[in-house]
Amino acid sequence: MERIVDARGLVCPQPLIQTKRVLETLKTDREVVTIVDNEVARDNVLKLARSLECETTVREQGSEYYIHIRKESLPATQLTVNSGQTLLISAANLGRGSDELGSVLMRSFFYSLSEAEVLPRRVIFINSGVQLCCQDSPVLGSLLALEQKGVELLACGTCLDYYHLKEKLCAGSVSNMYTILEHLMAAEKVITL
């Protein structure tokens, strides 16, 4: 019996994550057919399937790709919170250049992170990055999911005050520079975005 993942019109990484979710729920000797409408999504889903040692075939029909993934067996996945890693988010957008693109990239980053199996111990938000923790943030759902999985979220209180956002904080807790510095110095690895 096959399960269909219709990922047409979805942007990266949604086709990959939806396929992964379905694969994780299937018993052995089952097939998933993921339908995508672009080569990047096709290639990403194929890489996922191959990394999970699944058999794959692709059928192209017009501008759509039907990716047949046969699951023999998958290793059990286990959520890991990596206590040695800290993310430092210093802006509301990811990267330099277009703010519109940076916003799209930040949404994609946090969505992907919330679906990952290995998570950082904490995420620290400073400067305009604190906007991501507040009401109407485009990544709020992903941040709340990370909190539920045990990731500590800290937002700089001075930054929240600067942007007049302290009352709108919805994810994480208010922190101060001393505590932020302690966490950064104690971390095995700090990744700054």
N, C-alpha and C. Protein backbone atom coordinates (compact mmCIF):
# COMPACT_ATOMS: atom_id res chain seq x y z
N MET A 1 0.84 -1.18 0.00
CA MET A 1 0.00 0.00 0.00
C MET A 1 0.88 1.24 0.00
N GLU A 2 0.50 2.24 -0.77
CA GLU A 2 1.32 3.45 -0.85
C GLU A 2 0.61 4.63 -0.21
N ARG A 3 1.42 5.55 0.32
CA ARG A 3 0.92 6.80 0.87
C ARG A 3 1.38 7.92 -0.05
N ILE A 4 0.53 8.90 -0.27
CA ILE A 4 0.83 10.03 -1.16
C ILE A 4 1.16 11.26 -0.32
N VAL A 5 2.25 11.93 -0.69
CA VAL A 5 2.60 13.23 -0.12
C VAL A 5 2.55 14.22 -1.28
N ASP A 6 1.51 15.03 -1.30
CA ASP A 6 1.36 16.01 -2.37
C ASP A 6 2.03 17.31 -1.93
N ALA A 7 3.25 17.51 -2.40
CA ALA A 7 4.05 18.67 -2.00
C ALA A 7 4.18 19.68 -3.13
N ARG A 8 3.29 19.61 -4.09
CA ARG A 8 3.32 20.58 -5.19
C ARG A 8 3.04 21.97 -4.65
N GLY A 9 3.82 22.94 -5.11
CA GLY A 9 3.64 24.32 -4.70
C GLY A 9 4.28 24.67 -3.36
N LEU A 10 4.86 23.70 -2.69
CA LEU A 10 5.50 23.96 -1.40
C LEU A 10 6.97 24.30 -1.60
N VAL A 11 7.46 25.20 -0.76
CA VAL A 11 8.86 25.61 -0.87
C VAL A 11 9.71 24.82 0.10
N CYS A 12 10.98 24.79 -0.19
CA CYS A 12 11.97 24.13 0.63
C CYS A 12 11.92 24.69 2.04
N PRO A 13 11.98 23.87 3.06
CA PRO A 13 12.20 22.43 3.12
C PRO A 13 10.91 21.63 3.32
N GLN A 14 9.74 22.20 3.08
CA GLN A 14 8.48 21.53 3.38
C GLN A 14 8.29 20.18 2.68
N PRO A 15 8.61 20.03 1.38
CA PRO A 15 8.45 18.71 0.76
C PRO A 15 9.27 17.62 1.46
N LEU A 16 10.50 17.96 1.82
CA LEU A 16 11.38 17.01 2.50
C LEU A 16 10.82 16.65 3.88
N ILE A 17 10.41 17.64 4.64
CA ILE A 17 9.93 17.39 6.01
C ILE A 17 8.62 16.61 5.98
N GLN A 18 7.72 16.93 5.08
CA GLN A 18 6.47 16.17 4.99
C GLN A 18 6.72 14.72 4.61
N THR A 19 7.66 14.50 3.68
CA THR A 19 8.00 13.13 3.30
C THR A 19 8.61 12.39 4.47
N LYS A 20 9.50 13.03 5.19
CA LYS A 20 10.15 12.41 6.35
C LYS A 20 9.13 12.02 7.40
N ARG A 21 8.18 12.88 7.67
CA ARG A 21 7.13 12.57 8.65
C ARG A 21 6.35 11.32 8.27
N VAL A 22 5.97 11.24 7.00
CA VAL A 22 5.21 10.06 6.55
C VAL A 22 6.06 8.81 6.62
N LEU A 23 7.32 8.90 6.21
CA LEU A 23 8.21 7.73 6.27
C LEU A 23 8.36 7.23 7.71
N GLU A 24 8.42 8.14 8.65
CA GLU A 24 8.58 7.75 10.05
C GLU A 24 7.37 7.03 10.61
N THR A 25 6.19 7.25 10.02
CA THR A 25 4.97 6.62 10.53
C THR A 25 4.69 5.27 9.88
N LEU A 26 5.38 4.96 8.79
CA LEU A 26 5.10 3.72 8.07
C LEU A 26 5.79 2.53 8.69
N LYS A 27 5.14 1.40 8.56
CA LYS A 27 5.79 0.15 8.92
C LYS A 27 6.66 -0.26 7.73
N THR A 28 7.45 -1.31 7.90
CA THR A 28 8.35 -1.73 6.82
C THR A 28 7.56 -2.22 5.61
N ASP A 29 8.26 -2.31 4.50
CA ASP A 29 7.71 -2.80 3.23
C ASP A 29 6.51 -1.98 2.75
N ARG A 30 6.62 -0.68 2.87
CA ARG A 30 5.59 0.23 2.40
C ARG A 30 6.21 1.21 1.42
N GLU A 31 5.34 1.89 0.68
CA GLU A 31 5.83 2.85 -0.30
C GLU A 31 5.17 4.20 -0.09
N VAL A 32 5.98 5.25 -0.26
CA VAL A 32 5.50 6.63 -0.23
C VAL A 32 5.73 7.21 -1.62
N VAL A 33 4.76 7.93 -2.13
CA VAL A 33 4.93 8.65 -3.39
C VAL A 33 4.82 10.13 -3.06
N THR A 34 5.93 10.84 -3.25
CA THR A 34 5.93 12.28 -3.03
C THR A 34 5.86 12.96 -4.39
N ILE A 35 4.92 13.90 -4.51
CA ILE A 35 4.74 14.63 -5.76
C ILE A 35 5.25 16.05 -5.55
N VAL A 36 6.22 16.46 -6.37
CA VAL A 36 6.78 17.81 -6.30
C VAL A 36 6.76 18.43 -7.70
N ASP A 37 6.93 19.75 -7.73
CA ASP A 37 6.85 20.42 -9.03
C ASP A 37 8.10 21.24 -9.35
N ASN A 38 9.23 20.87 -8.71
CA ASN A 38 10.48 21.54 -9.07
C ASN A 38 11.65 20.61 -8.78
N GLU A 39 12.76 20.86 -9.48
CA GLU A 39 13.92 19.98 -9.39
C GLU A 39 14.60 20.02 -8.03
N VAL A 40 14.62 21.19 -7.39
CA VAL A 40 15.27 21.31 -6.08
C VAL A 40 14.55 20.42 -5.07
N ALA A 41 13.22 20.49 -5.04
CA ALA A 41 12.45 19.64 -4.12
C ALA A 41 12.67 18.17 -4.46
N ARG A 42 12.68 17.84 -5.74
CA ARG A 42 12.92 16.45 -6.16
C ARG A 42 14.26 15.97 -5.61
N ASP A 43 15.30 16.76 -5.82
CA ASP A 43 16.65 16.36 -5.39
C ASP A 43 16.75 16.25 -3.87
N ASN A 44 16.11 17.16 -3.15
CA ASN A 44 16.16 17.11 -1.69
C ASN A 44 15.44 15.88 -1.14
N VAL A 45 14.29 15.55 -1.70
CA VAL A 45 13.55 14.36 -1.25
C VAL A 45 14.35 13.10 -1.58
N LEU A 46 14.97 13.07 -2.75
CA LEU A 46 15.80 11.91 -3.11
C LEU A 46 16.98 11.75 -2.16
N LYS A 47 17.62 12.85 -1.79
CA LYS A 47 18.75 12.78 -0.85
C LYS A 47 18.29 12.24 0.50
N LEU A 48 17.13 12.70 0.96
CA LEU A 48 16.58 12.19 2.21
C LEU A 48 16.36 10.68 2.12
N ALA A 49 15.68 10.24 1.06
CA ALA A 49 15.37 8.81 0.92
C ALA A 49 16.64 7.97 0.86
N ARG A 50 17.63 8.46 0.14
CA ARG A 50 18.89 7.70 0.05
C ARG A 50 19.62 7.67 1.38
N SER A 51 19.55 8.78 2.14
CA SER A 51 20.21 8.80 3.44
C SER A 51 19.55 7.82 4.41
N LEU A 52 18.28 7.51 4.16
CA LEU A 52 17.55 6.55 4.99
C LEU A 52 17.59 5.14 4.39
N GLU A 53 18.40 4.99 3.35
CA GLU A 53 18.62 3.71 2.68
C GLU A 53 17.33 3.12 2.11
N CYS A 54 16.51 3.98 1.52
CA CYS A 54 15.28 3.56 0.86
C CYS A 54 15.54 3.41 -0.63
N GLU A 55 14.78 2.56 -1.27
CA GLU A 55 14.83 2.43 -2.73
C GLU A 55 13.99 3.55 -3.33
N THR A 56 14.48 4.14 -4.42
CA THR A 56 13.74 5.25 -5.03
C THR A 56 13.66 5.09 -6.55
N THR A 57 12.57 5.57 -7.11
CA THR A 57 12.43 5.74 -8.55
C THR A 57 11.69 7.06 -8.75
N VAL A 58 11.98 7.71 -9.87
CA VAL A 58 11.34 8.99 -10.16
C VAL A 58 10.66 8.89 -11.52
N ARG A 59 9.40 9.34 -11.55
CA ARG A 59 8.66 9.40 -12.81
C ARG A 59 8.31 10.86 -13.05
N GLU A 60 8.72 11.36 -14.22
CA GLU A 60 8.43 12.75 -14.58
C GLU A 60 7.16 12.78 -15.42
N GLN A 61 6.23 13.64 -15.03
CA GLN A 61 4.99 13.77 -15.77
C GLN A 61 4.71 15.26 -15.95
N GLY A 62 5.00 15.76 -17.14
CA GLY A 62 4.89 17.19 -17.40
C GLY A 62 5.93 17.92 -16.57
N SER A 63 5.48 18.87 -15.75
CA SER A 63 6.41 19.62 -14.89
C SER A 63 6.42 19.08 -13.46
N GLU A 64 5.85 17.89 -13.28
CA GLU A 64 5.79 17.31 -11.94
C GLU A 64 6.65 16.05 -11.86
N TYR A 65 7.13 15.79 -10.65
CA TYR A 65 7.95 14.61 -10.39
C TYR A 65 7.25 13.75 -9.35
N TYR A 66 7.09 12.47 -9.67
CA TYR A 66 6.51 11.50 -8.75
C TYR A 66 7.66 10.64 -8.24
N ILE A 67 7.98 10.83 -6.96
CA ILE A 67 9.12 10.14 -6.36
C ILE A 67 8.58 8.97 -5.57
N HIS A 68 8.88 7.76 -6.03
CA HIS A 68 8.45 6.54 -5.36
C HIS A 68 9.56 6.13 -4.41
N ILE A 69 9.20 6.02 -3.13
CA ILE A 69 10.17 5.68 -2.09
C ILE A 69 9.69 4.41 -1.42
N ARG A 70 10.50 3.39 -1.51
CA ARG A 70 10.15 2.10 -0.89
C ARG A 70 10.95 1.95 0.39
N LYS A 71 10.21 1.77 1.46
CA LYS A 71 10.81 1.67 2.78
C LYS A 71 10.96 0.20 3.15
N GLU A 72 12.19 -0.21 3.34
CA GLU A 72 12.45 -1.57 3.84
C GLU A 72 12.37 -1.50 5.36
N SER A 73 13.22 -0.70 5.94
CA SER A 73 13.19 -0.43 7.38
C SER A 73 13.97 0.84 7.60
N LEU A 74 13.61 1.56 8.63
CA LEU A 74 14.29 2.81 8.94
C LEU A 74 14.83 2.74 10.35
N PRO A 75 16.01 3.31 10.56
CA PRO A 75 16.51 3.36 11.92
C PRO A 75 15.59 4.23 12.77
N ALA A 76 15.42 3.86 14.02
CA ALA A 76 14.59 4.65 14.92
C ALA A 76 15.22 6.02 15.11
N THR A 77 14.41 7.06 15.05
CA THR A 77 14.92 8.40 15.26
C THR A 77 14.69 8.78 16.70
N GLN A 78 15.61 9.51 17.23
CA GLN A 78 15.52 9.92 18.61
C GLN A 78 15.89 11.39 18.71
N LEU A 79 15.05 12.13 19.39
CA LEU A 79 15.29 13.56 19.58
C LEU A 79 16.45 13.76 20.53
N THR A 80 17.40 14.60 20.14
CA THR A 80 18.56 14.89 20.98
C THR A 80 18.69 16.39 21.14
N VAL A 81 18.73 16.82 22.39
CA VAL A 81 19.04 18.23 22.66
C VAL A 81 20.52 18.27 22.99
N ASN A 82 21.28 18.98 22.14
CA ASN A 82 22.73 19.04 22.30
C ASN A 82 23.07 20.13 23.30
N SER A 83 23.44 19.72 24.50
CA SER A 83 23.69 20.70 25.55
C SER A 83 24.92 21.55 25.29
N GLY A 84 25.75 21.16 24.33
CA GLY A 84 26.97 21.92 24.07
C GLY A 84 26.82 23.01 23.04
N GLN A 85 25.67 23.08 22.36
CA GLN A 85 25.51 24.06 21.28
C GLN A 85 24.54 25.17 21.66
N THR A 86 24.90 26.39 21.31
CA THR A 86 24.05 27.56 21.52
C THR A 86 23.97 28.32 20.21
N LEU A 87 22.76 28.74 19.86
CA LEU A 87 22.58 29.61 18.69
C LEU A 87 22.42 31.04 19.19
N LEU A 88 23.11 31.98 18.55
CA LEU A 88 22.98 33.40 18.85
C LEU A 88 22.34 34.07 17.65
N ILE A 89 21.14 34.54 17.81
CA ILE A 89 20.39 35.18 16.73
C ILE A 89 20.46 36.69 16.93
N SER A 90 21.15 37.38 16.03
CA SER A 90 21.41 38.81 16.23
C SER A 90 20.56 39.71 15.33
N ALA A 91 19.68 39.13 14.53
CA ALA A 91 18.85 39.94 13.64
C ALA A 91 17.55 39.19 13.33
N ALA A 92 16.54 39.94 12.94
CA ALA A 92 15.25 39.34 12.61
C ALA A 92 15.27 38.65 11.25
N ASN A 93 16.25 39.00 10.41
CA ASN A 93 16.38 38.40 9.08
C ASN A 93 17.68 37.61 9.01
N LEU A 94 17.71 36.62 8.16
CA LEU A 94 18.89 35.78 8.01
C LEU A 94 19.70 36.23 6.80
N GLY A 95 20.96 36.53 7.02
CA GLY A 95 21.86 36.92 5.94
C GLY A 95 21.81 38.41 5.65
N ARG A 96 22.67 38.81 4.73
CA ARG A 96 22.73 40.21 4.32
C ARG A 96 22.19 40.34 2.90
N GLY A 97 21.62 41.48 2.62
CA GLY A 97 21.06 41.70 1.29
C GLY A 97 19.60 42.05 1.42
N SER A 98 18.77 41.35 0.72
CA SER A 98 17.33 41.62 0.70
C SER A 98 16.68 41.25 2.04
N ASP A 99 15.98 42.22 2.64
CA ASP A 99 15.25 41.95 3.88
C ASP A 99 14.12 40.95 3.64
N GLU A 100 13.48 41.05 2.48
CA GLU A 100 12.38 40.13 2.15
C GLU A 100 12.91 38.69 2.08
N LEU A 101 14.02 38.50 1.38
CA LEU A 101 14.62 37.17 1.30
C LEU A 101 15.11 36.72 2.66
N GLY A 102 15.71 37.63 3.43
CA GLY A 102 16.19 37.30 4.77
C GLY A 102 15.08 36.82 5.68
N SER A 103 13.90 37.40 5.55
CA SER A 103 12.74 36.97 6.34
C SER A 103 12.30 35.57 5.93
N VAL A 104 12.27 35.31 4.64
CA VAL A 104 11.91 33.97 4.14
C VAL A 104 12.91 32.93 4.64
N LEU A 105 14.20 33.27 4.58
CA LEU A 105 15.24 32.35 5.03
C LEU A 105 15.14 32.07 6.53
N MET A 106 14.83 33.09 7.32
CA MET A 106 14.71 32.90 8.77
C MET A 106 13.53 31.99 9.09
N ARG A 107 12.41 32.18 8.40
CA ARG A 107 11.25 31.29 8.61
C ARG A 107 11.62 29.86 8.26
N SER A 108 12.28 29.68 7.14
CA SER A 108 12.70 28.35 6.72
C SER A 108 13.69 27.73 7.70
N PHE A 109 14.62 28.54 8.21
CA PHE A 109 15.62 28.06 9.16
C PHE A 109 14.94 27.54 10.43
N PHE A 110 14.07 28.35 11.04
CA PHE A 110 13.46 27.93 12.29
C PHE A 110 12.46 26.80 12.09
N TYR A 111 11.79 26.76 10.96
CA TYR A 111 10.90 25.63 10.67
C TYR A 111 11.72 24.35 10.58
N SER A 112 12.83 24.41 9.85
CA SER A 112 13.70 23.24 9.72
C SER A 112 14.28 22.83 11.07
N LEU A 113 14.70 23.81 11.86
CA LEU A 113 15.27 23.52 13.17
C LEU A 113 14.23 22.85 14.07
N SER A 114 12.99 23.32 14.02
CA SER A 114 11.95 22.75 14.88
C SER A 114 11.62 21.31 14.48
N GLU A 115 11.97 20.92 13.27
CA GLU A 115 11.72 19.56 12.79
C GLU A 115 12.96 18.66 12.89
N ALA A 116 14.08 19.23 13.27
CA ALA A 116 15.34 18.49 13.32
C ALA A 116 15.36 17.51 14.49
N GLU A 117 16.21 16.49 14.37
CA GLU A 117 16.34 15.51 15.43
C GLU A 117 17.39 15.92 16.44
N VAL A 118 18.38 16.69 16.04
CA VAL A 118 19.41 17.19 16.95
C VAL A 118 19.18 18.69 17.11
N LEU A 119 19.02 19.10 18.35
CA LEU A 119 18.68 20.48 18.64
C LEU A 119 19.74 21.14 19.51
N PRO A 120 19.87 22.46 19.42
CA PRO A 120 20.79 23.15 20.33
C PRO A 120 20.21 23.17 21.74
N ARG A 121 21.05 23.40 22.72
CA ARG A 121 20.56 23.49 24.10
C ARG A 121 19.77 24.77 24.31
N ARG A 122 20.26 25.86 23.70
CA ARG A 122 19.55 27.13 23.86
C ARG A 122 19.72 27.99 22.62
N VAL A 123 18.78 28.93 22.47
CA VAL A 123 18.84 29.94 21.41
C VAL A 123 18.73 31.28 22.11
N ILE A 124 19.71 32.15 21.85
CA ILE A 124 19.74 33.48 22.46
C ILE A 124 19.45 34.52 21.38
N PHE A 125 18.53 35.42 21.68
CA PHE A 125 18.11 36.46 20.73
C PHE A 125 18.57 37.82 21.25
N ILE A 126 19.30 38.55 20.39
CA ILE A 126 19.73 39.90 20.72
C ILE A 126 19.39 40.85 19.57
N ASN A 127 19.52 42.14 19.83
CA ASN A 127 19.24 43.19 18.86
C ASN A 127 17.87 42.92 18.22
N SER A 128 17.73 43.11 16.89
CA SER A 128 16.41 42.92 16.28
C SER A 128 15.98 41.46 16.25
N GLY A 129 16.86 40.55 16.60
CA GLY A 129 16.49 39.14 16.70
C GLY A 129 15.40 38.89 17.72
N VAL A 130 15.29 39.77 18.75
CA VAL A 130 14.25 39.59 19.77
C VAL A 130 12.85 39.70 19.18
N GLN A 131 12.72 40.36 18.04
CA GLN A 131 11.41 40.49 17.39
C GLN A 131 10.83 39.12 17.04
N LEU A 132 11.70 38.14 16.82
CA LEU A 132 11.25 36.80 16.44
C LEU A 132 10.51 36.09 17.56
N CYS A 133 10.75 36.50 18.80
CA CYS A 133 10.13 35.87 19.98
C CYS A 133 8.80 36.51 20.35
N CYS A 134 8.39 37.51 19.62
CA CYS A 134 7.25 38.32 20.04
C CYS A 134 6.01 38.07 19.19
N GLN A 135 4.91 38.59 19.71
CA GLN A 135 3.62 38.51 19.04
C GLN A 135 3.75 38.88 17.56
N ASP A 136 3.06 38.16 16.70
CA ASP A 136 3.03 38.38 15.25
C ASP A 136 4.33 37.98 14.55
N SER A 137 5.22 37.32 15.24
CA SER A 137 6.46 36.85 14.60
C SER A 137 6.15 35.74 13.61
N PRO A 138 6.79 35.76 12.44
CA PRO A 138 6.56 34.69 11.45
C PRO A 138 7.15 33.34 11.86
N VAL A 139 7.98 33.32 12.92
CA VAL A 139 8.60 32.06 13.35
C VAL A 139 8.09 31.63 14.73
N LEU A 140 7.07 32.28 15.23
CA LEU A 140 6.60 32.01 16.59
C LEU A 140 6.20 30.55 16.79
N GLY A 141 5.48 29.97 15.84
CA GLY A 141 5.08 28.57 15.95
C GLY A 141 6.27 27.64 16.06
N SER A 142 7.30 27.89 15.29
CA SER A 142 8.51 27.07 15.34
C SER A 142 9.23 27.24 16.67
N LEU A 143 9.27 28.46 17.19
CA LEU A 143 9.93 28.70 18.48
C LEU A 143 9.19 28.01 19.62
N LEU A 144 7.87 28.05 19.58
CA LEU A 144 7.09 27.37 20.62
C LEU A 144 7.30 25.86 20.55
N ALA A 145 7.43 25.33 19.34
CA ALA A 145 7.71 23.90 19.17
C ALA A 145 9.08 23.55 19.74
N LEU A 146 10.07 24.42 19.54
CA LEU A 146 11.40 24.19 20.10
C LEU A 146 11.36 24.20 21.62
N GLU A 147 10.61 25.14 22.19
CA GLU A 147 10.49 25.18 23.65
C GLU A 147 9.88 23.90 24.19
N GLN A 148 8.86 23.39 23.51
CA GLN A 148 8.22 22.15 23.94
C GLN A 148 9.18 20.97 23.89
N LYS A 149 10.17 21.05 23.04
CA LYS A 149 11.16 19.98 22.92
C LYS A 149 12.33 20.16 23.87
N GLY A 150 12.29 21.20 24.69
CA GLY A 150 13.31 21.39 25.71
C GLY A 150 14.42 22.37 25.38
N VAL A 151 14.29 23.10 24.28
CA VAL A 151 15.30 24.11 23.93
C VAL A 151 14.98 25.38 24.71
N GLU A 152 15.99 25.92 25.39
CA GLU A 152 15.82 27.15 26.16
C GLU A 152 15.96 28.35 25.22
N LEU A 153 14.99 29.25 25.28
CA LEU A 153 15.00 30.47 24.46
C LEU A 153 15.17 31.66 25.40
N LEU A 154 16.17 32.51 25.10
CA LEU A 154 16.44 33.69 25.92
C LEU A 154 16.44 34.93 25.04
N ALA A 155 15.69 35.94 25.46
CA ALA A 155 15.64 37.21 24.73
C ALA A 155 16.24 38.31 25.58
N CYS A 156 17.12 39.09 25.00
CA CYS A 156 17.80 40.19 25.70
C CYS A 156 16.77 41.23 26.15
N GLY A 157 16.74 41.49 27.46
CA GLY A 157 15.80 42.46 28.01
C GLY A 157 16.04 43.88 27.52
N THR A 158 17.31 44.27 27.42
CA THR A 158 17.64 45.61 26.92
C THR A 158 17.13 45.78 25.49
N CYS A 159 17.28 44.75 24.69
CA CYS A 159 16.83 44.80 23.29
C CYS A 159 15.31 44.86 23.21
N LEU A 160 14.63 44.07 24.04
CA LEU A 160 13.16 44.12 24.08
C LEU A 160 12.69 45.51 24.47
N ASP A 161 13.36 46.12 25.46
CA ASP A 161 13.01 47.48 25.87
C ASP A 161 13.24 48.47 24.73
N TYR A 162 14.35 48.34 24.05
CA TYR A 162 14.69 49.26 22.96
C TYR A 162 13.60 49.25 21.88
N TYR A 163 13.12 48.04 21.54
CA TYR A 163 12.09 47.91 20.50
C TYR A 163 10.67 47.98 21.07
N HIS A 164 10.53 48.27 22.38
CA HIS A 164 9.22 48.37 23.04
C HIS A 164 8.42 47.08 22.85
N LEU A 165 9.06 45.94 23.12
CA LEU A 165 8.43 44.65 22.87
C LEU A 165 8.30 43.76 24.10
N LYS A 166 8.73 44.23 25.25
CA LYS A 166 8.75 43.36 26.43
C LYS A 166 7.37 42.77 26.73
N GLU A 167 6.31 43.56 26.56
CA GLU A 167 4.95 43.09 26.84
C GLU A 167 4.44 42.15 25.75
N LYS A 168 5.13 42.10 24.62
CA LYS A 168 4.68 41.25 23.51
C LYS A 168 5.46 39.95 23.39
N LEU A 169 6.34 39.68 24.35
CA LEU A 169 7.13 38.46 24.33
C LEU A 169 6.21 37.25 24.46
N CYS A 170 6.29 36.31 23.52
CA CYS A 170 5.43 35.13 23.51
C CYS A 170 6.21 33.83 23.62
N ALA A 171 7.47 33.83 23.29
CA ALA A 171 8.30 32.62 23.34
C ALA A 171 9.59 32.94 24.08
N GLY A 172 9.99 32.06 24.96
CA GLY A 172 11.22 32.27 25.69
C GLY A 172 11.03 33.15 26.90
N SER A 173 12.14 33.54 27.49
CA SER A 173 12.10 34.38 28.69
C SER A 173 13.07 35.54 28.53
N VAL A 174 12.83 36.58 29.32
CA VAL A 174 13.67 37.77 29.29
C VAL A 174 14.97 37.45 30.01
N SER A 175 16.07 37.85 29.41
CA SER A 175 17.38 37.61 30.01
C SER A 175 18.15 38.92 30.07
N ASN A 176 19.38 38.85 30.56
CA ASN A 176 20.22 40.03 30.65
C ASN A 176 21.60 39.70 30.08
N MET A 177 22.40 40.72 29.85
CA MET A 177 23.69 40.51 29.19
C MET A 177 24.64 39.65 30.02
N TYR A 178 24.56 39.76 31.34
CA TYR A 178 25.43 38.94 32.18
C TYR A 178 25.13 37.45 31.98
N THR A 179 23.86 37.10 32.03
CA THR A 179 23.44 35.70 31.84
C THR A 179 23.76 35.24 30.41
N ILE A 180 23.51 36.10 29.44
CA ILE A 180 23.82 35.76 28.06
C ILE A 180 25.31 35.49 27.91
N LEU A 181 26.14 36.34 28.48
CA LEU A 181 27.59 36.15 28.42
C LEU A 181 28.00 34.83 29.09
N GLU A 182 27.43 34.53 30.24
CA GLU A 182 27.74 33.26 30.91
C GLU A 182 27.43 32.07 30.01
N HIS A 183 26.27 32.08 29.37
CA HIS A 183 25.88 30.97 28.49
C HIS A 183 26.80 30.87 27.27
N LEU A 184 27.15 32.01 26.71
CA LEU A 184 28.04 31.99 25.53
C LEU A 184 29.42 31.46 25.90
N MET A 185 29.93 31.86 27.04
CA MET A 185 31.27 31.42 27.46
C MET A 185 31.29 29.95 27.87
N ALA A 186 30.17 29.45 28.37
CA ALA A 186 30.10 28.06 28.82
C ALA A 186 29.79 27.09 27.69
N ALA A 187 29.29 27.61 26.57
CA ALA A 187 28.89 26.73 25.46
C ALA A 187 30.12 26.09 24.81
N GLU A 188 29.99 24.83 24.43
CA GLU A 188 31.05 24.17 23.68
C GLU A 188 31.18 24.78 22.29
N LYS A 189 30.03 25.19 21.75
CA LYS A 189 30.01 25.74 20.39
C LYS A 189 28.90 26.78 20.31
N VAL A 190 29.23 27.96 19.74
CA VAL A 190 28.24 29.01 19.52
C VAL A 190 28.14 29.23 18.02
N ILE A 191 26.93 29.18 17.51
CA ILE A 191 26.67 29.45 16.09
C ILE A 191 25.92 30.77 16.03
N THR A 192 26.48 31.75 15.33
CA THR A 192 25.88 33.07 15.26
C THR A 192 25.22 33.27 13.90
N LEU A 193 23.97 33.72 13.94
CA LEU A 193 23.23 34.04 12.71
C LEU A 193 22.85 35.50 12.75
